[in-house]
N, C-alpha and C. Protein backbone atom coordinates (compact mmCIF):
# COMPACT_ATOMS: atom_id res chain seq x y z
N MET A 1 10.28 -19.20 31.47
CA MET A 1 11.47 -20.00 30.22
C MET A 1 11.21 -20.37 29.47
N PRO A 2 10.47 -21.63 29.92
CA PRO A 2 10.09 -22.87 28.75
C PRO A 2 9.23 -22.62 27.76
N ARG A 3 8.37 -21.31 28.50
CA ARG A 3 6.73 -20.96 27.64
C ARG A 3 7.82 -20.43 26.90
N LEU A 4 8.64 -19.21 26.98
CA LEU A 4 9.11 -18.31 25.80
C LEU A 4 10.26 -19.32 24.79
N VAL A 5 10.60 -20.22 25.10
CA VAL A 5 11.18 -21.50 24.17
C VAL A 5 10.32 -22.27 23.22
N LEU A 6 9.38 -22.44 23.97
CA LEU A 6 7.97 -23.03 23.36
C LEU A 6 7.62 -21.94 22.24
N PHE A 7 7.23 -20.76 23.00
CA PHE A 7 6.22 -19.84 21.74
C PHE A 7 7.35 -19.46 20.68
N LEU A 8 8.89 -19.40 20.85
CA LEU A 8 9.59 -19.14 19.90
C LEU A 8 9.92 -20.14 18.91
N LEU A 9 9.60 -21.68 19.34
CA LEU A 9 9.51 -23.17 18.28
C LEU A 9 8.38 -23.04 17.47
N LEU A 10 7.07 -22.43 18.39
CA LEU A 10 6.33 -22.42 17.55
C LEU A 10 6.24 -21.50 16.68
N LEU A 11 6.52 -20.24 16.87
CA LEU A 11 6.89 -19.31 15.93
C LEU A 11 7.70 -19.61 14.67
N PHE A 12 8.63 -20.71 14.82
CA PHE A 12 9.71 -20.89 13.99
C PHE A 12 9.19 -21.74 12.94
N PHE A 13 8.02 -22.59 13.87
CA PHE A 13 7.24 -23.75 12.73
C PHE A 13 6.59 -23.03 11.97
N ALA A 14 5.71 -22.24 12.53
CA ALA A 14 4.78 -21.76 11.79
C ALA A 14 5.09 -21.04 10.44
N SER A 15 6.48 -20.19 10.64
CA SER A 15 6.90 -19.99 9.30
C SER A 15 7.05 -20.80 8.48
N PHE A 16 6.90 -21.53 8.70
CA PHE A 16 7.61 -23.03 7.95
C PHE A 16 5.74 -23.30 6.84
N ALA A 17 4.92 -23.54 7.99
CA ALA A 17 3.49 -23.98 7.46
C ALA A 17 2.91 -22.80 6.50
N GLY A 18 3.21 -21.94 6.25
CA GLY A 18 2.79 -20.78 5.55
C GLY A 18 3.09 -21.58 4.16
N ALA A 19 4.57 -21.97 3.72
CA ALA A 19 4.76 -22.78 2.77
C ALA A 19 3.74 -24.00 2.68
N GLU A 20 3.66 -24.89 3.27
CA GLU A 20 3.00 -25.86 3.14
C GLU A 20 1.87 -25.69 2.96
N PHE A 21 1.20 -24.70 3.77
CA PHE A 21 -0.29 -24.20 3.64
C PHE A 21 -0.90 -23.84 1.96
N ALA A 22 0.14 -23.38 1.02
CA ALA A 22 0.09 -23.29 0.05
C ALA A 22 0.96 -23.42 -1.04
N PRO A 23 1.31 -24.90 -1.46
CA PRO A 23 2.65 -24.92 -2.13
C PRO A 23 2.14 -24.85 -3.27
N GLY A 24 3.59 -23.75 -4.11
CA GLY A 24 3.33 -23.58 -5.22
C GLY A 24 2.79 -22.08 -5.72
N VAL A 25 2.24 -21.42 -4.50
CA VAL A 25 1.67 -20.34 -5.13
C VAL A 25 2.59 -19.16 -5.32
N VAL A 26 2.13 -18.51 -6.25
CA VAL A 26 3.32 -17.47 -6.74
C VAL A 26 2.37 -15.74 -6.54
N ASN A 27 2.94 -15.08 -6.29
CA ASN A 27 2.81 -14.05 -6.18
C ASN A 27 3.72 -12.85 -7.04
N HIS A 28 3.18 -12.63 -8.56
CA HIS A 28 3.90 -11.74 -9.17
C HIS A 28 2.94 -10.42 -9.54
N VAL A 29 3.40 -10.11 -10.74
CA VAL A 29 2.88 -8.76 -11.35
C VAL A 29 2.54 -9.44 -12.62
N PRO A 30 1.45 -9.54 -13.71
CA PRO A 30 1.60 -10.17 -14.74
C PRO A 30 1.80 -9.75 -15.67
N THR A 31 2.77 -10.61 -16.80
CA THR A 31 3.54 -10.14 -17.91
C THR A 31 2.37 -9.45 -18.80
N LYS A 32 2.91 -9.09 -20.28
CA LYS A 32 2.17 -8.56 -20.96
C LYS A 32 1.46 -9.83 -21.36
N LYS A 33 1.91 -10.68 -21.90
CA LYS A 33 1.45 -12.17 -22.24
C LYS A 33 0.33 -12.72 -21.12
N GLU A 34 0.37 -12.38 -20.03
CA GLU A 34 -0.30 -13.25 -19.17
C GLU A 34 -1.39 -12.27 -18.76
N ARG A 35 -1.43 -10.97 -19.45
CA ARG A 35 -2.53 -10.30 -19.22
C ARG A 35 -3.72 -10.72 -19.75
N THR A 36 -5.35 -10.28 -19.25
CA THR A 36 -6.56 -11.20 -20.19
C THR A 36 -6.33 -10.37 -21.29
N LYS A 37 -6.61 -10.38 -22.70
CA LYS A 37 -6.97 -9.72 -24.00
C LYS A 37 -8.43 -9.04 -23.83
N GLY A 38 -8.63 -8.27 -24.21
CA GLY A 38 -10.06 -7.56 -24.08
C GLY A 38 -10.23 -7.52 -25.74
N ASN A 39 -11.51 -6.99 -25.91
CA ASN A 39 -11.98 -6.93 -27.22
C ASN A 39 -12.45 -5.71 -27.59
N SER A 40 -12.67 -5.84 -29.01
CA SER A 40 -12.41 -4.77 -29.54
C SER A 40 -13.71 -4.01 -29.65
N ILE A 41 -14.16 -4.24 -29.40
CA ILE A 41 -15.81 -3.80 -29.49
C ILE A 41 -16.12 -2.53 -28.47
N ARG A 42 -17.12 -1.44 -29.51
CA ARG A 42 -16.74 -0.07 -28.66
C ARG A 42 -17.98 0.98 -28.88
N THR A 43 -18.97 -0.18 -29.06
CA THR A 43 -20.34 0.68 -29.07
C THR A 43 -21.41 -0.46 -28.68
N GLU A 44 -22.08 -0.09 -27.70
CA GLU A 44 -23.40 -0.64 -26.71
C GLU A 44 -23.97 -1.60 -28.09
N SER A 45 -24.63 -1.51 -28.76
CA SER A 45 -25.69 -2.32 -29.69
C SER A 45 -24.72 -3.42 -30.47
N LEU A 46 -23.30 -3.05 -30.82
CA LEU A 46 -22.42 -4.33 -30.86
C LEU A 46 -22.09 -5.07 -30.19
N CYS A 47 -22.08 -4.54 -28.32
CA CYS A 47 -21.70 -5.20 -27.33
C CYS A 47 -22.96 -6.48 -26.98
N LYS A 48 -24.28 -5.75 -27.22
CA LYS A 48 -25.71 -6.11 -26.78
C LYS A 48 -25.36 -7.71 -27.60
N LYS A 49 -25.14 -6.90 -28.94
CA LYS A 49 -25.53 -8.05 -30.13
C LYS A 49 -24.67 -9.41 -29.71
N ASN A 50 -23.44 -9.15 -29.43
CA ASN A 50 -22.58 -9.91 -29.25
C ASN A 50 -22.87 -10.75 -27.47
N ASN A 51 -23.72 -10.63 -27.29
CA ASN A 51 -24.06 -10.63 -25.61
C ASN A 51 -23.47 -10.46 -24.67
N GLY A 52 -22.94 -9.34 -25.05
CA GLY A 52 -21.87 -8.78 -24.02
C GLY A 52 -22.45 -8.13 -22.62
N GLU A 53 -21.92 -7.49 -22.22
CA GLU A 53 -22.02 -6.54 -20.98
C GLU A 53 -21.46 -5.22 -20.82
N TRP A 54 -22.30 -4.31 -21.62
CA TRP A 54 -22.03 -2.63 -21.68
C TRP A 54 -21.76 -2.29 -20.21
N SER A 55 -20.52 -1.14 -20.04
CA SER A 55 -20.39 -0.42 -19.03
C SER A 55 -20.14 0.99 -19.10
N GLU A 56 -20.66 1.93 -18.62
CA GLU A 56 -20.00 3.29 -19.33
C GLU A 56 -19.65 4.06 -17.96
N GLY A 57 -18.56 4.99 -17.94
CA GLY A 57 -18.28 5.39 -16.94
C GLY A 57 -17.53 6.89 -17.07
N LYS A 58 -17.33 7.66 -16.06
CA LYS A 58 -16.75 9.09 -16.37
C LYS A 58 -15.44 8.81 -17.35
N GLY A 59 -15.36 9.40 -18.62
CA GLY A 59 -14.33 8.76 -19.42
C GLY A 59 -14.13 7.38 -19.91
N TYR A 60 -14.90 6.45 -19.56
CA TYR A 60 -14.35 5.22 -20.31
C TYR A 60 -15.58 4.73 -20.57
N ALA A 61 -16.02 3.40 -21.16
CA ALA A 61 -16.86 2.88 -21.93
C ALA A 61 -16.26 1.22 -22.29
N ILE A 62 -16.67 0.36 -22.22
CA ILE A 62 -16.11 -1.13 -21.95
C ILE A 62 -17.18 -2.60 -22.23
N CYS A 63 -16.81 -2.82 -22.78
CA CYS A 63 -17.78 -4.23 -23.61
C CYS A 63 -17.04 -5.36 -22.59
N VAL A 64 -17.97 -6.65 -21.91
CA VAL A 64 -17.50 -7.35 -21.51
C VAL A 64 -18.14 -8.65 -22.48
N LEU A 65 -17.51 -9.41 -22.74
CA LEU A 65 -17.74 -10.99 -23.76
C LEU A 65 -17.91 -12.03 -22.77
N PRO A 66 -18.75 -12.59 -22.78
CA PRO A 66 -19.12 -14.00 -21.99
C PRO A 66 -17.70 -15.14 -22.93
N TYR A 67 -16.78 -15.48 -22.43
CA TYR A 67 -15.93 -16.85 -23.07
C TYR A 67 -16.87 -18.12 -23.40
N PRO A 68 -16.63 -18.97 -24.82
CA PRO A 68 -17.52 -20.19 -24.99
C PRO A 68 -17.52 -21.22 -24.28
N ASP A 69 -16.04 -21.48 -23.32
CA ASP A 69 -15.87 -22.48 -22.51
C ASP A 69 -16.24 -22.21 -21.09
N ALA A 70 -16.71 -20.99 -21.07
CA ALA A 70 -16.66 -20.76 -19.53
C ALA A 70 -17.52 -21.64 -18.32
N GLY A 71 -16.21 -22.06 -17.59
CA GLY A 71 -16.70 -22.91 -16.58
C GLY A 71 -16.27 -24.17 -16.74
N LYS A 72 -15.95 -24.41 -17.64
CA LYS A 72 -15.40 -25.89 -18.13
C LYS A 72 -13.98 -26.06 -17.36
N GLU A 73 -14.27 -27.18 -16.62
CA GLU A 73 -12.80 -27.60 -16.17
C GLU A 73 -11.30 -27.79 -16.70
N CYS A 74 -10.49 -27.38 -16.18
CA CYS A 74 -9.21 -26.93 -16.43
C CYS A 74 -7.85 -27.29 -15.71
N LYS A 75 -7.00 -27.34 -16.15
CA LYS A 75 -5.74 -27.57 -15.62
C LYS A 75 -4.73 -26.48 -15.51
N ASN A 76 -4.66 -25.86 -16.64
CA ASN A 76 -4.11 -24.52 -17.30
C ASN A 76 -4.70 -23.78 -18.00
N SER A 77 -3.77 -22.45 -18.34
CA SER A 77 -4.93 -22.16 -19.28
C SER A 77 -4.40 -22.45 -20.76
N LYS A 78 -4.19 -23.05 -21.15
CA LYS A 78 -3.85 -23.87 -22.83
C LYS A 78 -5.52 -24.79 -22.54
N ASP A 79 -6.09 -24.73 -21.83
CA ASP A 79 -7.23 -25.36 -22.22
C ASP A 79 -8.41 -24.42 -22.20
N CYS A 80 -8.19 -23.42 -22.03
CA CYS A 80 -9.26 -22.36 -21.86
C CYS A 80 -9.31 -21.09 -22.91
N VAL A 81 -10.18 -20.88 -23.55
CA VAL A 81 -9.94 -19.22 -24.27
C VAL A 81 -9.14 -18.07 -23.32
N GLY A 82 -9.67 -17.97 -22.06
CA GLY A 82 -9.09 -17.32 -21.04
C GLY A 82 -8.22 -17.90 -20.48
N HIS A 83 -7.92 -17.49 -19.09
CA HIS A 83 -7.15 -17.88 -18.11
C HIS A 83 -8.12 -19.17 -17.46
N CYS A 84 -7.26 -20.22 -16.74
CA CYS A 84 -7.90 -21.10 -16.13
C CYS A 84 -8.09 -20.60 -14.39
N ILE A 85 -8.87 -20.44 -13.81
CA ILE A 85 -9.27 -19.70 -12.64
C ILE A 85 -9.30 -21.03 -11.54
N ALA A 86 -8.44 -20.98 -10.84
CA ALA A 86 -8.37 -22.08 -9.65
C ALA A 86 -9.09 -21.65 -8.84
N PRO A 87 -9.57 -22.46 -7.78
CA PRO A 87 -10.49 -22.35 -6.48
C PRO A 87 -10.00 -21.65 -5.46
N ILE A 88 -10.72 -20.79 -4.79
CA ILE A 88 -9.66 -20.31 -3.25
C ILE A 88 -10.25 -21.60 -2.24
N THR A 89 -9.10 -22.48 -2.02
CA THR A 89 -9.35 -23.39 -0.84
C THR A 89 -7.81 -23.49 -0.01
N ASP A 90 -7.90 -24.12 0.93
CA ASP A 90 -6.23 -24.74 1.61
C ASP A 90 -5.92 -25.66 1.12
N LYS A 91 -6.61 -26.37 0.19
CA LYS A 91 -5.94 -27.55 -0.13
C LYS A 91 -5.32 -27.45 -1.58
N PRO A 92 -4.42 -28.35 -1.66
CA PRO A 92 -3.77 -28.40 -2.68
C PRO A 92 -4.49 -28.45 -3.89
N VAL A 93 -4.47 -27.28 -5.31
CA VAL A 93 -5.58 -27.33 -6.15
C VAL A 93 -4.79 -27.92 -7.04
N THR A 94 -5.24 -29.04 -7.81
CA THR A 94 -5.20 -29.54 -9.09
C THR A 94 -5.93 -29.40 -10.56
N ARG A 95 -6.99 -28.90 -10.69
CA ARG A 95 -8.28 -28.25 -11.38
C ARG A 95 -8.74 -27.17 -11.11
N GLY A 96 -8.89 -26.45 -11.92
CA GLY A 96 -9.72 -24.94 -12.28
C GLY A 96 -10.93 -25.04 -12.92
N THR A 97 -11.78 -24.04 -13.20
CA THR A 97 -12.71 -23.71 -14.21
C THR A 97 -12.16 -22.71 -15.20
N CYS A 98 -12.57 -22.91 -16.43
CA CYS A 98 -12.53 -21.84 -17.04
C CYS A 98 -12.98 -19.93 -17.45
N GLN A 99 -12.18 -19.43 -17.34
CA GLN A 99 -12.48 -18.14 -17.01
C GLN A 99 -13.87 -17.31 -17.25
N ILE A 100 -14.90 -16.92 -16.43
CA ILE A 100 -16.33 -16.64 -17.42
C ILE A 100 -16.17 -15.49 -18.71
N ASP A 101 -15.35 -14.87 -18.34
CA ASP A 101 -15.72 -13.46 -19.27
C ASP A 101 -14.41 -13.02 -19.64
N ASP A 102 -14.43 -11.75 -20.57
CA ASP A 102 -12.92 -11.42 -21.18
C ASP A 102 -12.33 -10.01 -20.41
N SER A 103 -13.05 -10.05 -19.00
CA SER A 103 -12.50 -8.58 -18.26
C SER A 103 -11.55 -8.79 -17.70
N THR A 104 -10.97 -7.63 -18.01
CA THR A 104 -9.42 -7.64 -18.13
C THR A 104 -8.55 -7.35 -16.89
N ASN A 105 -9.48 -7.27 -15.48
CA ASN A 105 -9.05 -6.91 -13.94
C ASN A 105 -8.86 -8.54 -14.02
N ASP A 106 -7.32 -8.82 -13.90
CA ASP A 106 -6.75 -9.94 -13.39
C ASP A 106 -5.95 -9.70 -11.99
N CYS A 107 -6.14 -8.39 -11.58
CA CYS A 107 -5.66 -8.10 -10.01
C CYS A 107 -6.14 -9.12 -9.12
N GLY A 108 -5.26 -9.97 -8.49
CA GLY A 108 -6.01 -10.70 -7.33
C GLY A 108 -6.85 -12.32 -7.47
N ARG A 109 -6.97 -12.26 -8.47
CA ARG A 109 -7.43 -13.56 -9.53
C ARG A 109 -6.38 -14.64 -9.49
N PRO A 110 -6.96 -16.09 -8.78
CA PRO A 110 -6.21 -17.19 -8.56
C PRO A 110 -6.26 -17.62 -9.92
N HIS A 111 -4.98 -17.71 -10.84
CA HIS A 111 -5.01 -18.80 -11.71
C HIS A 111 -4.17 -19.81 -11.65
N LEU A 112 -4.72 -20.60 -12.11
CA LEU A 112 -3.58 -22.50 -12.40
C LEU A 112 -3.04 -22.50 -13.11
N GLU A 113 -1.77 -22.41 -13.28
CA GLU A 113 -0.80 -23.11 -14.77
C GLU A 113 0.33 -23.84 -13.75
N ASN A 114 -0.17 -25.20 -14.74
CA ASN A 114 0.82 -26.08 -14.24
C ASN A 114 0.97 -26.23 -12.72
N GLY A 115 0.07 -27.03 -12.54
CA GLY A 115 -0.03 -26.99 -11.17
C GLY A 115 0.23 -26.02 -9.92
N LYS A 116 0.47 -25.14 -10.54
CA LYS A 116 0.87 -23.31 -9.39
C LYS A 116 -0.05 -22.28 -9.58
N VAL A 117 -0.50 -22.62 -8.58
CA VAL A 117 -1.76 -20.97 -8.29
C VAL A 117 -0.93 -19.95 -8.21
N ILE A 118 -1.06 -19.16 -9.23
CA ILE A 118 -0.42 -17.77 -9.64
C ILE A 118 -1.42 -16.76 -9.07
N TYR A 119 -0.94 -15.94 -8.23
CA TYR A 119 -2.10 -14.50 -7.96
C TYR A 119 -1.55 -13.67 -8.32
N PHE A 120 -1.85 -12.96 -9.47
CA PHE A 120 -1.21 -11.48 -9.93
C PHE A 120 -1.40 -10.17 -9.14
N ASN A 121 -0.39 -9.74 -8.87
CA ASN A 121 -0.60 -8.67 -7.82
C ASN A 121 -0.42 -7.44 -8.87
N CYS A 122 -1.09 -6.45 -8.85
CA CYS A 122 -1.48 -5.37 -9.71
C CYS A 122 -1.01 -3.59 -9.26
N ASP A 123 -0.48 -3.77 -8.16
CA ASP A 123 -0.63 -2.68 -7.15
C ASP A 123 1.06 -1.87 -8.06
């Protein structure tokens, strides 16, 4: 019986540990304003002329352009052309790095906004 009580107490306190493990983490679907805006380049030659990476697949073609401030230290996305990307760590986060390119795949990428890590859930 004492082991069961100890187990339940540990389980109870572990449920609170998740909140302390990652303070301020928010998981939500990105709003239209929060989504990375892509570019309007639709030809491979123009993409390469702008130092972009051209990708084609069945029914799509896309150009991904590098951001001029890629890798710069940031506190939130106002510091960057794109988003401020948070490092993946179990410690509190106060600084991130500016997004590398204009890839619009924001799902699962940890963004840093005003001291909070935001994971965009795009399911």
